Amino acid sequence: MLLKEQNIDIRLAEKALMFYTDEAQELNGLIKNNFYKLVEVEFIKLIDRYPDVKRYFNNLSNLEQKSLIKAPEVLSMLFVSDETLSNININYFLLRLIEAESAKKTGAFDVEKFGESLWSADGSFMISYDSDTGSFSTFEHPTLSNTAIPQDFFSHFNLINSKDKDHYSSEGLEPILYSFEEADLVADKMNRVFDKLDECFKNFIYTYTNVLMLKKTRNEKLFTSGTDSRHINRVIITNAHTVEDEVIADAMVHEAIHGTLTIIDIFNEWQPSRKVSKAFGRKIYSPWTNNLLTIRNLVQAIYVWYGLYNFWKTKPINLSKKYAEDRLVFIENGFKKLDINPYEDIINSLTFRELTLIKNKFI
């Protein structure tokens, strides 16, 4: 069967996470292309309910439209239900995002309607108005190397995320802003790490990372990376300035894998629902980190560690060979301890079969 005729389901993940094969690259292109076709369809359905939004959106160029609809904030509106958003809020929020896209070209915006500042949907661009001088000024975040991925240090969306107590409730994890000088150094470091990677890994990261959100915490020794299925392809990295290049490379691949799995789940649900996972509780010890996991955490972790194994197996030439070798042993040991049989009743049969295939590669 031709790849273009295949359904997007979890059966694609094992081969897509080989990264460097022609089939893997074709599969990841297939997943990406079908996802953004779906995004376009869903966005048009959304703005059909808001005539002003539709009219202003249609005035944007094709490139501006694509930039707006692939932003994690917009993807969240399309694929994650949020009953707290009223129609008025959605209408005004989308008009602000469209105005920000237009302002990239015009260098101005409607201050009376939208206040004194606007951020673009992906946090890459900000425009503000100075009432004292009657002038506009702009700010742009750097992108990740030669990609279009914004490195977001200061956006409105970054600040909102920093107030999320679900993610930053632990002592020492309270986010604080980088200075402009620190942000420049971190951006340069992220570029350096990305540029060290082979093209297949760069392409994979680019496919499943739309925004790279960077911040530090009060305890700067706590390096973390993360994504969440509510903001698709938004990667958050804290304290990147404190760790070696290998840790950052691992994190970028790791989080992009989560993006892959989330998009597949949108097409065909392959993991236990949030309701089932919440009822089951956080009581599975990870065979890799010994952290307590939910059942959703576990099934995603299996794919993440499998993908990272394939990444480090290539012994990236510009990264530490010893780090790669140690990582491979660590991942292998985790798979040898992995037992998914107790969870067969709450994992769908197709997913269970696919997870078993991956587990058996390490026997």
Protein backbone atom coordinates (compact mmCIF):
# COMPACT_ATOMS: atom_id res chain seq x y z
CA MET A 1 0.00 0.00 0.00
CA LEU A 2 1.35 3.46 -0.88
CA LEU A 3 2.22 5.64 2.08
CA LYS A 4 -0.10 8.39 0.89
CA GLU A 5 -3.00 5.95 1.17
CA GLN A 6 -2.27 4.85 4.72
CA ASN A 7 -4.36 5.93 7.68
CA ILE A 8 -2.60 8.05 10.29
CA ASP A 9 -2.56 5.73 13.29
CA ILE A 10 -0.13 4.40 15.87
CA ARG A 11 1.17 1.74 13.49
CA LEU A 12 3.20 4.48 11.79
CA ALA A 13 5.07 5.52 14.94
CA GLU A 14 7.58 2.68 15.19
CA LYS A 15 8.91 3.27 11.66
CA ALA A 16 8.58 7.08 11.83
CA LEU A 17 10.87 7.06 14.88
CA MET A 18 13.68 5.44 12.94
CA PHE A 19 14.38 9.04 11.73
CA TYR A 20 17.20 8.31 9.27
CA THR A 21 15.53 5.84 6.88
CA ASP A 22 13.80 7.03 3.71
CA GLU A 23 10.59 5.45 4.97
CA ALA A 24 10.78 7.31 8.28
CA GLN A 25 11.25 10.64 6.55
CA GLU A 26 8.39 9.92 4.16
CA LEU A 27 6.13 8.91 7.04
CA ASN A 28 6.89 12.04 9.03
CA GLY A 29 6.17 14.12 5.95
CA LEU A 30 2.89 12.24 5.54
CA ILE A 31 1.88 12.88 9.15
CA LYS A 32 2.82 16.57 8.91
CA ASN A 33 1.05 17.21 5.59
CA ASN A 34 -2.15 15.46 6.62
CA PHE A 35 -2.16 17.26 9.96
CA TYR A 36 -1.93 20.72 8.44
CA LYS A 37 -4.61 19.86 5.90
CA LEU A 38 -6.79 18.99 8.89
CA VAL A 39 -5.77 22.21 10.65
CA GLU A 40 -6.84 24.29 7.65
CA VAL A 41 -10.21 22.54 7.49
CA GLU A 42 -10.84 22.95 11.23
CA PHE A 43 -9.75 26.59 11.25
CA ILE A 44 -12.07 27.48 8.38
CA LYS A 45 -14.92 25.74 10.23
CA LEU A 46 -14.06 27.79 13.32
CA ILE A 47 -13.93 31.21 11.66
CA ASP A 48 -17.11 30.55 9.69
CA ARG A 49 -18.79 31.35 13.03
CA TYR A 50 -17.08 34.75 13.23
CA PRO A 51 -17.63 36.88 10.08
CA ASP A 52 -15.21 39.67 11.08
CA VAL A 53 -12.47 37.16 11.82
CA LYS A 54 -13.04 35.43 8.50
CA ARG A 55 -12.94 38.69 6.56
CA TYR A 56 -9.70 39.92 8.15
CA PHE A 57 -8.08 36.48 7.94
CA ASN A 58 -8.80 36.32 4.22
CA ASN A 59 -6.97 39.63 3.80
CA LEU A 60 -3.73 38.03 5.03
CA SER A 61 -1.27 36.55 2.58
CA ASN A 62 -1.04 32.78 2.29
CA LEU A 63 2.25 32.84 4.22
CA GLU A 64 0.74 34.96 7.00
CA GLN A 65 -2.26 32.65 7.25
CA LYS A 66 -0.06 29.56 7.55
CA SER A 67 2.08 31.25 10.22
CA LEU A 68 -1.00 32.05 12.28
CA ILE A 69 -2.84 28.73 12.11
CA LYS A 70 0.18 26.57 13.02
CA ALA A 71 0.83 28.48 16.25
CA PRO A 72 0.29 26.29 19.34
CA GLU A 73 -2.17 28.82 20.79
CA VAL A 74 -4.38 28.38 17.72
CA LEU A 75 -3.93 24.60 17.53
CA SER A 76 -5.07 24.47 21.15
CA MET A 77 -8.32 26.23 20.20
CA LEU A 78 -8.94 23.78 17.36
CA PHE A 79 -8.24 20.49 19.08
CA VAL A 80 -8.63 21.02 22.84
CA SER A 81 -12.06 21.98 24.12
CA ASP A 82 -12.06 24.86 26.59
CA GLU A 83 -15.47 25.75 27.95
CA THR A 84 -14.09 28.89 29.64
CA LEU A 85 -13.67 30.60 26.25
CA SER A 86 -16.81 32.48 25.24
CA ASN A 87 -17.61 33.37 21.65
CA ILE A 88 -16.73 36.98 22.44
CA ASN A 89 -13.31 35.95 23.78
CA ILE A 90 -12.58 33.75 20.75
CA ASN A 91 -13.62 36.49 18.32
CA TYR A 92 -11.48 39.15 20.01
CA PHE A 93 -8.50 36.83 20.55
CA LEU A 94 -8.40 35.82 16.88
CA LEU A 95 -8.78 39.42 15.72
CA ARG A 96 -5.77 40.35 17.88
CA LEU A 97 -3.69 37.57 16.35
CA ILE A 98 -4.67 38.61 12.82
CA GLU A 99 -3.90 42.25 13.59
CA ALA A 100 -0.45 41.23 14.87
CA GLU A 101 0.25 39.34 11.63
CA SER A 102 -0.75 42.40 9.61
CA ALA A 103 1.40 44.63 11.81
CA LYS A 104 4.53 42.71 10.83
CA LYS A 105 4.09 44.27 7.39
CA THR A 106 2.50 47.63 8.23
CA GLY A 107 4.42 48.51 11.39
CA ALA A 108 1.22 49.77 13.02
CA PHE A 109 -2.07 48.54 14.49
CA ASP A 110 -5.42 49.78 15.80
CA VAL A 111 -4.49 51.03 19.27
CA GLU A 112 -8.05 52.03 20.20
CA LYS A 113 -9.31 48.54 19.47
CA PHE A 114 -6.42 46.43 20.76
CA GLY A 115 -4.61 48.43 23.44
CA GLU A 116 -0.95 49.36 23.50
CA SER A 117 0.75 46.10 22.49
CA LEU A 118 0.23 42.94 20.46
CA TRP A 119 2.06 39.62 20.21
CA SER A 120 1.90 37.36 17.17
CA ALA A 121 0.27 33.97 17.65
CA ASP A 122 3.60 32.15 17.87
CA GLY A 123 5.24 34.68 20.18
CA SER A 124 7.84 35.59 17.57
CA PHE A 125 6.87 39.25 17.12
CA MET A 126 5.66 42.08 19.33
CA ILE A 127 4.57 45.58 18.42
CA SER A 128 3.85 48.31 20.96
CA TYR A 129 2.61 51.88 20.91
CA ASP A 130 4.15 54.75 22.85
CA SER A 131 1.41 57.26 23.60
CA ASP A 132 3.95 59.91 24.58
CA THR A 133 5.66 59.93 21.20
CA GLY A 134 2.77 58.60 19.12
CA SER A 135 5.09 56.00 17.60
CA PHE A 136 5.21 52.24 17.23
CA SER A 137 8.18 50.00 18.04
CA THR A 138 8.70 46.30 17.34
CA PHE A 139 10.58 43.39 18.87
CA GLU A 140 11.35 40.01 17.30
CA HIS A 141 12.55 36.85 19.00
CA PRO A 142 15.40 34.95 17.36
CA THR A 143 14.62 31.77 15.47
CA LEU A 144 16.28 28.40 15.97
CA SER A 145 19.23 28.47 13.58
CA ASN A 146 18.00 28.72 9.98
CA THR A 147 14.48 27.47 10.76
CA ALA A 148 11.31 29.49 11.35
CA ILE A 149 10.95 28.14 14.92
CA PRO A 150 10.77 31.11 17.34
CA GLN A 151 12.92 30.98 20.47
CA ASP A 152 10.40 32.61 22.81
CA PHE A 153 11.84 34.13 25.98
CA PHE A 154 9.51 37.03 26.73
CA SER A 155 6.14 36.71 25.00
CA HIS A 156 2.77 37.18 26.63
CA PHE A 157 2.16 33.44 26.14
CA ASN A 158 5.42 32.56 27.88
CA LEU A 159 4.43 34.70 30.87
CA ILE A 160 0.99 33.08 31.03
CA ASN A 161 2.60 29.63 30.95
CA SER A 162 4.87 30.63 33.85
CA LYS A 163 1.77 31.11 36.01
CA ASP A 164 0.63 27.51 35.41
CA LYS A 165 0.77 25.97 38.88
CA ASP A 166 0.29 22.47 37.48
CA HIS A 167 3.72 22.71 35.88
CA TYR A 168 5.63 24.94 38.28
CA SER A 169 4.32 24.09 41.75
CA SER A 170 7.50 22.37 42.97
CA GLU A 171 9.90 24.36 45.11
CA GLY A 172 12.62 25.93 43.00
CA LEU A 173 10.68 25.57 39.75
CA GLU A 174 9.16 29.05 39.91
CA PRO A 175 10.00 30.59 36.51
CA ILE A 176 11.89 33.87 36.23
CA LEU A 177 12.81 35.83 33.13
CA TYR A 178 16.18 35.72 31.46
CA SER A 179 17.82 39.09 30.92
CA PHE A 180 18.23 40.15 27.28
CA GLU A 181 21.94 39.37 27.48
CA GLU A 182 21.27 35.90 28.95
CA ALA A 183 18.63 35.22 26.32
CA ASP A 184 21.11 36.00 23.54
CA LEU A 185 23.59 33.51 25.00
CA VAL A 186 20.96 30.79 25.38
CA ALA A 187 19.67 31.37 21.83
CA ASP A 188 23.22 31.01 20.51
CA LYS A 189 23.62 27.80 22.49
CA MET A 190 20.37 26.34 21.15
CA ASN A 191 21.50 27.20 17.61
CA ARG A 192 24.86 25.54 18.18
CA VAL A 193 23.29 22.31 19.42
CA PHE A 194 20.73 22.20 16.62
CA ASP A 195 23.43 22.79 14.00
CA LYS A 196 25.41 19.80 15.34
CA LEU A 197 22.63 17.39 14.39
CA ASP A 198 22.31 15.38 11.19
CA GLU A 199 19.75 16.66 8.70
CA CYS A 200 17.25 13.88 9.44
CA PHE A 201 17.08 14.90 13.11
CA LYS A 202 16.90 18.61 12.26
CA ASN A 203 13.99 17.85 9.94
CA PHE A 204 12.25 15.78 12.60
CA ILE A 205 12.59 18.53 15.22
CA TYR A 206 11.41 21.13 12.71
CA THR A 207 8.39 19.01 11.80
CA TYR A 208 7.16 18.66 15.38
CA THR A 209 8.32 21.91 17.03
CA ASN A 210 6.44 25.11 16.20
CA VAL A 211 7.60 27.18 19.18
CA LEU A 212 10.56 26.75 21.50
CA MET A 213 9.73 28.43 24.82
CA LEU A 214 12.78 29.10 27.00
CA LYS A 215 12.91 30.17 30.62
CA LYS A 216 14.93 29.73 33.77
CA THR A 217 13.79 28.90 37.30
CA ARG A 218 14.85 30.09 40.73
CA ASN A 219 16.80 26.87 41.21
CA GLU A 220 18.88 27.04 38.04
CA LYS A 221 20.28 23.54 38.60
CA LEU A 222 16.91 21.97 37.72
CA PHE A 223 16.95 21.37 33.96
CA THR A 224 13.57 20.37 32.56
CA SER A 225 11.94 20.01 29.18
CA GLY A 226 8.31 19.41 28.40
CA THR A 227 5.35 19.57 26.09
CA ASP A 228 1.67 19.19 26.69
CA SER A 229 -1.04 17.86 24.40
CA ARG A 230 -3.01 21.07 24.88
CA HIS A 231 -0.45 23.22 23.04
CA ILE A 232 0.60 21.00 20.17
CA ASN A 233 4.26 21.33 19.09
CA ARG A 234 5.13 23.85 21.82
CA VAL A 235 8.35 22.79 23.53
CA ILE A 236 9.34 24.30 26.88
CA ILE A 237 12.94 24.11 28.10
CA THR A 238 14.08 25.52 31.43
CA ASN A 239 17.65 26.28 32.44
CA ALA A 240 19.22 25.39 29.10
CA HIS A 241 22.19 27.53 30.10
CA THR A 242 23.20 25.05 32.82
CA VAL A 243 23.60 21.78 30.88
CA GLU A 244 25.85 20.28 28.24
CA ASP A 245 24.92 20.18 24.58
CA GLU A 246 24.05 16.47 24.69
CA VAL A 247 21.27 17.07 27.23
CA ILE A 248 19.71 19.75 25.04
CA ALA A 249 19.94 17.59 21.90
CA ASP A 250 18.26 14.74 23.79
CA ALA A 251 15.51 17.08 25.01
CA MET A 252 14.76 18.51 21.55
CA VAL A 253 14.38 15.04 20.04
CA HIS A 254 12.45 13.82 23.10
CA GLU A 255 9.86 16.60 22.95
CA ALA A 256 9.47 16.36 19.16
CA ILE A 257 8.55 12.68 19.64
CA HIS A 258 5.73 13.77 21.94
CA GLY A 259 4.54 16.03 19.12
CA THR A 260 4.44 13.05 16.77
CA LEU A 261 2.42 10.98 19.23
CA THR A 262 -0.03 13.79 19.98
CA ILE A 263 -0.77 14.39 16.30
CA ILE A 264 -1.30 10.68 15.64
CA ASP A 265 -3.71 10.63 18.60
CA ILE A 266 -5.74 13.44 17.00
CA PHE A 267 -6.30 11.30 13.92
CA ASN A 268 -6.86 8.00 15.73
CA GLU A 269 -6.90 7.81 19.51
CA TRP A 270 -4.27 5.26 20.46
CA GLN A 271 -3.69 5.95 24.15
CA PRO A 272 -6.06 5.64 27.12
CA SER A 273 -8.27 8.71 27.50
CA ARG A 274 -7.49 11.38 30.07
CA LYS A 275 -10.54 10.25 32.03
CA VAL A 276 -9.34 6.64 32.15
CA SER A 277 -5.79 7.69 32.94
CA LYS A 278 -6.92 9.98 35.77
CA ALA A 279 -9.09 7.25 37.27
CA PHE A 280 -6.19 4.79 37.08
CA GLY A 281 -3.91 7.24 38.88
CA ARG A 282 -0.20 7.94 38.95
CA LYS A 283 1.06 4.64 40.27
CA ILE A 284 3.33 3.06 37.65
CA TYR A 285 7.05 3.27 38.35
CA SER A 286 8.98 4.19 35.22
CA PRO A 287 11.51 1.44 34.42
CA TRP A 288 13.86 4.20 33.21
CA THR A 289 13.61 7.03 35.77
CA ASN A 290 11.67 5.39 38.61
CA ASN A 291 9.28 8.36 38.54
CA LEU A 292 5.61 7.64 39.13
CA LEU A 293 3.62 7.67 35.88
CA THR A 294 0.02 7.57 34.70
CA ILE A 295 -0.90 4.99 32.06
CA ARG A 296 -0.81 7.75 29.40
CA ASN A 297 2.67 8.73 30.60
CA LEU A 298 3.82 5.12 30.30
CA VAL A 299 2.63 4.45 26.76
CA GLN A 300 4.14 7.73 25.55
CA ALA A 301 7.37 7.01 27.43
CA ILE A 302 7.81 3.71 25.61
CA TYR A 303 7.81 5.49 22.27
CA VAL A 304 9.97 8.36 23.55
CA TRP A 305 12.68 6.05 24.89
CA TYR A 306 12.52 3.94 21.75
CA GLY A 307 13.00 7.05 19.62
CA LEU A 308 15.85 8.29 21.78
CA TYR A 309 17.51 4.89 21.48
CA ASN A 310 17.40 5.21 17.70
CA PHE A 311 18.80 8.75 17.95
CA TRP A 312 21.77 7.84 20.15
CA LYS A 313 22.38 4.62 18.21
CA THR A 314 23.63 6.79 15.33
CA LYS A 315 26.43 8.06 17.64
CA PRO A 316 25.99 11.67 16.45
CA ILE A 317 29.43 12.71 15.23
CA ASN A 318 29.35 16.17 16.83
CA LEU A 319 28.20 14.94 20.25
CA SER A 320 29.97 12.95 22.96
CA LYS A 321 30.46 9.30 22.03
CA LYS A 322 30.60 8.31 25.72
CA TYR A 323 27.32 10.13 26.43
CA ALA A 324 25.71 8.25 23.54
CA GLU A 325 27.01 4.89 24.75
CA ASP A 326 25.88 5.53 28.33
CA ARG A 327 22.46 6.64 27.10
CA LEU A 328 22.04 3.46 25.04
CA VAL A 329 22.83 1.25 28.04
CA PHE A 330 20.44 3.25 30.22
CA ILE A 331 17.59 2.93 27.69
CA GLU A 332 18.24 -0.78 27.09
CA ASN A 333 18.13 -1.50 30.82
CA GLY A 334 14.79 0.28 31.10
CA PHE A 335 13.27 -1.77 28.30
CA LYS A 336 14.52 -4.99 29.90
CA LYS A 337 12.63 -4.05 33.09
CA LEU A 338 9.50 -2.92 31.24
CA ASP A 339 6.38 -5.03 31.78
CA ILE A 340 3.20 -3.85 30.04
CA ASN A 341 1.19 -7.05 30.55
CA PRO A 342 -0.56 -5.77 33.72
CA TYR A 343 -2.08 -2.96 31.64
CA GLU A 344 -3.38 -4.96 28.69
CA ASP A 345 -6.99 -4.42 29.74
CA ILE A 346 -6.76 -0.61 29.62
CA ILE A 347 -4.62 -0.23 26.50
CA ASN A 348 -6.40 -0.80 23.19
CA SER A 349 -5.40 -3.97 21.36
CA LEU A 350 -3.67 -2.25 18.41
CA THR A 351 -1.56 -0.08 20.72
CA PHE A 352 -0.73 -3.02 22.97
CA ARG A 353 0.46 -5.03 19.97
CA GLU A 354 2.63 -2.12 18.76
CA LEU A 355 4.13 -1.57 22.22
CA THR A 356 4.89 -5.27 22.49
CA LEU A 357 6.76 -5.16 19.17
CA ILE A 358 8.94 -2.37 20.50
CA LYS A 359 9.51 -4.10 23.85
CA ASN A 360 10.56 -7.29 22.04
CA LYS A 361 13.34 -5.46 20.16
CA PHE A 362 15.21 -5.32 23.48
CA ILE A 363 14.85 -8.96 24.54
